[in-house]
Amino acid sequence: QSKGKKPLFVQLVLDNIWSLYEAVMKRDKEKIEKIVTSLGLKIGARESRHADPKVHLNAICSQWLPISDAVLSMVCNKLPSPLDITAERVEKLMCVGARTFDSLPPETQELKCAFMKCSSEGTAPVIVFVSKMFAVDAKALPHNKPR
């Protein structure tokens, strides 16, 4: 960088994104057409003629760099396998609040083994885990409130 050279990431990734952004925002039709054809994309006429250039940019980027594929592949690569879960973790997931695993009905306790096996057999029980997460301002948490 000290000799005026760009890092490899900037040369291969960011420069391409920046040039696309600049071409769309300046409405350089020749450059946009060249980029779209070189990437092999099919952009609809409606998006191309839209008054807001961000619509056109969104249409190109959603085909060129789809976020759903990137997120799914990252989740598959980074999340641990469900087969590696510990028995204590399964018990914590199955219990709500202050209840203990031993206080659950026997039928529910039997699901622990099926939970840990992650079997896809037709006779295996179907177990669904639903988690709801939402953003909360740190100041709204009980331990951060002034007394």
C-alpha atoms as a PDB file:
ATOM      1  CA  GLN A   1       0.000   0.000   0.000  1.00  0.00           C
ATOM      2  CA  SER A   2       2.879   2.364   0.698  1.00  0.00           C
ATOM      3  CA  LYS A   3       4.046   2.139  -2.946  1.00  0.00           C
ATOM      4  CA  GLY A   4       0.577   2.863  -4.331  1.00  0.00           C
ATOM      5  CA  LYS A   5      -0.348  -0.791  -4.816  1.00  0.00           C
ATOM      6  CA  LYS A   6      -3.825  -1.926  -3.844  1.00  0.00           C
ATOM      7  CA  PRO A   7      -4.450  -4.989  -1.673  1.00  0.00           C
ATOM      8  CA  LEU A   8      -5.564  -8.071  -3.594  1.00  0.00           C
ATOM      9  CA  PHE A   9      -9.082  -7.989  -2.102  1.00  0.00           C
ATOM     10  CA  VAL A  10      -9.547  -4.423  -3.311  1.00  0.00           C
ATOM     11  CA  GLN A  11      -8.278  -5.277  -6.794  1.00  0.00           C
ATOM     12  CA  LEU A  12     -10.371  -8.414  -7.279  1.00  0.00           C
ATOM     13  CA  VAL A  13     -13.552  -7.672  -5.341  1.00  0.00           C
ATOM     14  CA  LEU A  14     -14.103  -4.097  -4.232  1.00  0.00           C
ATOM     15  CA  ASP A  15     -12.995  -2.403  -7.462  1.00  0.00           C
ATOM     16  CA  ASN A  16     -15.573  -4.444  -9.403  1.00  0.00           C
ATOM     17  CA  ILE A  17     -18.362  -3.573  -6.992  1.00  0.00           C
ATOM     18  CA  TRP A  18     -17.364   0.101  -6.947  1.00  0.00           C
ATOM     19  CA  SER A  19     -17.219   0.309 -10.746  1.00  0.00           C
ATOM     20  CA  LEU A  20     -20.681  -1.272 -11.022  1.00  0.00           C
ATOM     21  CA  TYR A  21     -22.056   1.139  -8.413  1.00  0.00           C
ATOM     22  CA  GLU A  22     -20.512   4.140 -10.138  1.00  0.00           C
ATOM     23  CA  ALA A  23     -21.771   3.093 -13.581  1.00  0.00           C
ATOM     24  CA  VAL A  24     -25.338   2.598 -12.343  1.00  0.00           C
ATOM     25  CA  MET A  25     -25.444   5.819 -10.346  1.00  0.00           C
ATOM     26  CA  LYS A  26     -24.077   7.843 -13.277  1.00  0.00           C
ATOM     27  CA  ARG A  27     -26.370   5.942 -15.674  1.00  0.00           C
ATOM     28  CA  ASP A  28     -23.526   4.977 -18.004  1.00  0.00           C
ATOM     29  CA  LYS A  29     -25.550   2.647 -20.253  1.00  0.00           C
ATOM     30  CA  GLU A  30     -22.581   1.355 -22.251  1.00  0.00           C
ATOM     31  CA  LYS A  31     -20.606   0.365 -19.169  1.00  0.00           C
ATOM     32  CA  ILE A  32     -23.677  -1.161 -17.491  1.00  0.00           C
ATOM     33  CA  GLU A  33     -24.437  -3.200 -20.613  1.00  0.00           C
ATOM     34  CA  LYS A  34     -20.825  -4.403 -20.769  1.00  0.00           C
ATOM     35  CA  ILE A  35     -20.882  -5.458 -17.095  1.00  0.00           C
ATOM     36  CA  VAL A  36     -24.265  -7.204 -17.389  1.00  0.00           C
ATOM     37  CA  THR A  37     -23.244  -9.152 -20.501  1.00  0.00           C
ATOM     38  CA  SER A  38     -19.856 -10.128 -19.059  1.00  0.00           C
ATOM     39  CA  LEU A  39     -21.578 -11.465 -15.925  1.00  0.00           C
ATOM     40  CA  GLY A  40     -24.225 -13.271 -17.991  1.00  0.00           C
ATOM     41  CA  LEU A  41     -27.161 -11.604 -16.221  1.00  0.00           C
ATOM     42  CA  LYS A  42     -30.651 -10.935 -17.538  1.00  0.00           C
ATOM     43  CA  ILE A  43     -31.991  -7.627 -16.243  1.00  0.00           C
ATOM     44  CA  GLY A  44     -35.590  -6.776 -17.053  1.00  0.00           C
ATOM     45  CA  ALA A  45     -36.448  -3.657 -19.026  1.00  0.00           C
ATOM     46  CA  ARG A  46     -38.605  -2.437 -16.164  1.00  0.00           C
ATOM     47  CA  GLU A  47     -35.650  -2.348 -13.743  1.00  0.00           C
ATOM     48  CA  SER A  48     -33.364  -0.807 -16.369  1.00  0.00           C
ATOM     49  CA  ARG A  49     -35.727   2.089 -17.095  1.00  0.00           C
ATOM     50  CA  HIS A  50     -36.728   2.749 -13.489  1.00  0.00           C
ATOM     51  CA  ALA A  51     -36.272   6.347 -12.305  1.00  0.00           C
ATOM     52  CA  ASP A  52     -34.399   5.266  -9.182  1.00  0.00           C
ATOM     53  CA  PRO A  53     -30.932   3.899 -10.041  1.00  0.00           C
ATOM     54  CA  LYS A  54     -30.941   1.864  -6.826  1.00  0.00           C
ATOM     55  CA  VAL A  55     -33.643  -0.381  -8.284  1.00  0.00           C
ATOM     56  CA  HIS A  56     -31.390  -1.119 -11.253  1.00  0.00           C
ATOM     57  CA  LEU A  57     -28.411  -1.698  -8.950  1.00  0.00           C
ATOM     58  CA  ASN A  58     -30.481  -4.019  -6.749  1.00  0.00           C
ATOM     59  CA  ALA A  59     -31.600  -6.042  -9.788  1.00  0.00           C
ATOM     60  CA  ILE A  60     -27.999  -6.519 -10.931  1.00  0.00           C
ATOM     61  CA  CYS A  61     -26.570  -7.309  -7.501  1.00  0.00           C
ATOM     62  CA  SER A  62     -29.352  -9.719  -6.531  1.00  0.00           C
ATOM     63  CA  GLN A  63     -28.496 -11.851  -9.561  1.00  0.00           C
ATOM     64  CA  TRP A  64     -24.733 -11.404  -9.429  1.00  0.00           C
ATOM     65  CA  LEU A  65     -24.200 -11.760  -5.666  1.00  0.00           C
ATOM     66  CA  PRO A  66     -27.338 -13.356  -4.152  1.00  0.00           C
ATOM     67  CA  ILE A  67     -27.257 -12.881  -0.392  1.00  0.00           C
ATOM     68  CA  SER A  68     -29.352 -15.982   0.315  1.00  0.00           C
ATOM     69  CA  ASP A  69     -26.712 -18.317  -1.158  1.00  0.00           C
ATOM     70  CA  ALA A  70     -23.937 -16.609   0.784  1.00  0.00           C
ATOM     71  CA  VAL A  71     -25.814 -16.760   4.098  1.00  0.00           C
ATOM     72  CA  LEU A  72     -26.850 -20.399   3.653  1.00  0.00           C
ATOM     73  CA  SER A  73     -23.332 -21.524   2.745  1.00  0.00           C
ATOM     74  CA  MET A  74     -21.882 -19.617   5.709  1.00  0.00           C
ATOM     75  CA  VAL A  75     -24.417 -21.198   8.086  1.00  0.00           C
ATOM     76  CA  CYS A  76     -23.572 -24.659   6.714  1.00  0.00           C
ATOM     77  CA  ASN A  77     -19.839 -24.026   7.094  1.00  0.00           C
ATOM     78  CA  LYS A  78     -19.837 -22.399  10.533  1.00  0.00           C
ATOM     79  CA  LEU A  79     -22.613 -24.026  12.573  1.00  0.00           C
ATOM     80  CA  PRO A  80     -21.574 -27.173  14.405  1.00  0.00           C
ATOM     81  CA  SER A  81     -23.175 -30.459  13.460  1.00  0.00           C
ATOM     82  CA  PRO A  82     -26.284 -31.340  15.492  1.00  0.00           C
ATOM     83  CA  LEU A  83     -24.706 -34.750  16.114  1.00  0.00           C
ATOM     84  CA  ASP A  84     -21.990 -33.056  18.207  1.00  0.00           C
ATOM     85  CA  ILE A  85     -24.435 -31.651  20.770  1.00  0.00           C
ATOM     86  CA  THR A  86     -23.927 -32.628  24.410  1.00  0.00           C
ATOM     87  CA  ALA A  87     -26.599 -34.198  26.613  1.00  0.00           C
ATOM     88  CA  GLU A  88     -26.540 -31.185  28.947  1.00  0.00           C
ATOM     89  CA  ARG A  89     -27.187 -28.831  26.036  1.00  0.00           C
ATOM     90  CA  VAL A  90     -30.156 -30.927  24.882  1.00  0.00           C
ATOM     91  CA  GLU A  91     -31.624 -30.778  28.374  1.00  0.00           C
ATOM     92  CA  LYS A  92     -31.229 -26.994  28.474  1.00  0.00           C
ATOM     93  CA  LEU A  93     -32.920 -26.646  25.077  1.00  0.00           C
ATOM     94  CA  MET A  94     -35.838 -28.824  26.142  1.00  0.00           C
ATOM     95  CA  CYS A  95     -36.454 -26.997  29.437  1.00  0.00           C
ATOM     96  CA  VAL A  96     -38.112 -23.619  29.660  1.00  0.00           C
ATOM     97  CA  GLY A  97     -37.337 -21.104  32.381  1.00  0.00           C
ATOM     98  CA  ALA A  98     -36.723 -22.474  35.878  1.00  0.00           C
ATOM     99  CA  ARG A  99     -37.988 -26.002  35.101  1.00  0.00           C
ATOM    100  CA  THR A 100     -35.530 -28.857  35.308  1.00  0.00           C
ATOM    101  CA  PHE A 101     -35.251 -31.705  32.853  1.00  0.00           C
ATOM    102  CA  ASP A 102     -36.338 -34.197  35.514  1.00  0.00           C
ATOM    103  CA  SER A 103     -39.647 -32.328  35.984  1.00  0.00           C
ATOM    104  CA  LEU A 104     -40.642 -32.914  32.341  1.00  0.00           C
ATOM    105  CA  PRO A 105     -43.108 -35.726  31.525  1.00  0.00           C
ATOM    106  CA  PRO A 106     -41.482 -39.123  30.806  1.00  0.00           C
ATOM    107  CA  GLU A 107     -42.611 -38.976  27.155  1.00  0.00           C
ATOM    108  CA  THR A 108     -40.747 -35.708  26.721  1.00  0.00           C
ATOM    109  CA  GLN A 109     -37.650 -37.039  28.474  1.00  0.00           C
ATOM    110  CA  GLU A 110     -37.581 -39.972  26.035  1.00  0.00           C
ATOM    111  CA  LEU A 111     -37.218 -37.509  23.154  1.00  0.00           C
ATOM    112  CA  LYS A 112     -33.740 -36.631  24.409  1.00  0.00           C
ATOM    113  CA  CYS A 113     -32.216 -39.716  22.739  1.00  0.00           C
ATOM    114  CA  ALA A 114     -34.022 -38.998  19.456  1.00  0.00           C
ATOM    115  CA  PHE A 115     -32.877 -35.358  19.683  1.00  0.00           C
ATOM    116  CA  MET A 116     -29.248 -36.459  20.009  1.00  0.00           C
ATOM    117  CA  LYS A 117     -29.420 -39.110  17.220  1.00  0.00           C
ATOM    118  CA  CYS A 118     -30.900 -36.737  14.584  1.00  0.00           C
ATOM    119  CA  SER A 119     -32.284 -39.766  12.807  1.00  0.00           C
ATOM    120  CA  SER A 120     -34.111 -39.359   9.495  1.00  0.00           C
ATOM    121  CA  GLU A 121     -35.821 -42.741   9.622  1.00  0.00           C
ATOM    122  CA  GLY A 122     -39.550 -42.928   9.054  1.00  0.00           C
ATOM    123  CA  THR A 123     -40.145 -44.240  12.578  1.00  0.00           C
ATOM    124  CA  ALA A 124     -38.107 -41.512  14.287  1.00  0.00           C
ATOM    125  CA  PRO A 125     -40.130 -38.774  16.007  1.00  0.00           C
ATOM    126  CA  VAL A 126     -40.228 -35.349  14.411  1.00  0.00           C
ATOM    127  CA  ILE A 127     -38.746 -32.708  16.697  1.00  0.00           C
ATOM    128  CA  VAL A 128     -39.036 -29.014  15.916  1.00  0.00           C
ATOM    129  CA  PHE A 129     -37.133 -26.352  17.817  1.00  0.00           C
ATOM    130  CA  VAL A 130     -38.467 -22.818  17.427  1.00  0.00           C
ATOM    131  CA  SER A 131     -36.380 -19.909  18.614  1.00  0.00           C
ATOM    132  CA  LYS A 132     -37.490 -16.308  18.503  1.00  0.00           C
ATOM    133  CA  MET A 133     -34.809 -13.678  18.770  1.00  0.00           C
ATOM    134  CA  PHE A 134     -35.291  -9.940  18.606  1.00  0.00           C
ATOM    135  CA  ALA A 135     -33.078  -6.919  19.096  1.00  0.00           C
ATOM    136  CA  VAL A 136     -33.378  -4.992  22.330  1.00  0.00           C
ATOM    137  CA  ASP A 137     -31.537  -1.820  23.240  1.00  0.00           C
ATOM    138  CA  ALA A 138     -28.940  -2.556  25.933  1.00  0.00           C
ATOM    139  CA  LYS A 139     -30.340   0.256  28.085  1.00  0.00           C
ATOM    140  CA  ALA A 140     -33.717  -1.521  28.211  1.00  0.00           C
ATOM    141  CA  LEU A 141     -32.274  -4.649  29.846  1.00  0.00           C
ATOM    142  CA  PRO A 142     -33.119  -4.994  33.538  1.00  0.00           C
ATOM    143  CA  HIS A 143     -29.527  -5.067  34.764  1.00  0.00           C
ATOM    144  CA  ASN A 144     -28.738  -1.791  32.901  1.00  0.00           C
ATOM    145  CA  LYS A 145     -31.684   0.228  34.182  1.00  0.00           C
ATOM    146  CA  PRO A 146     -30.899   2.957  36.689  1.00  0.00           C
ATOM    147  CA  ARG A 147     -32.293   2.362  40.173  1.00  0.00           C
END
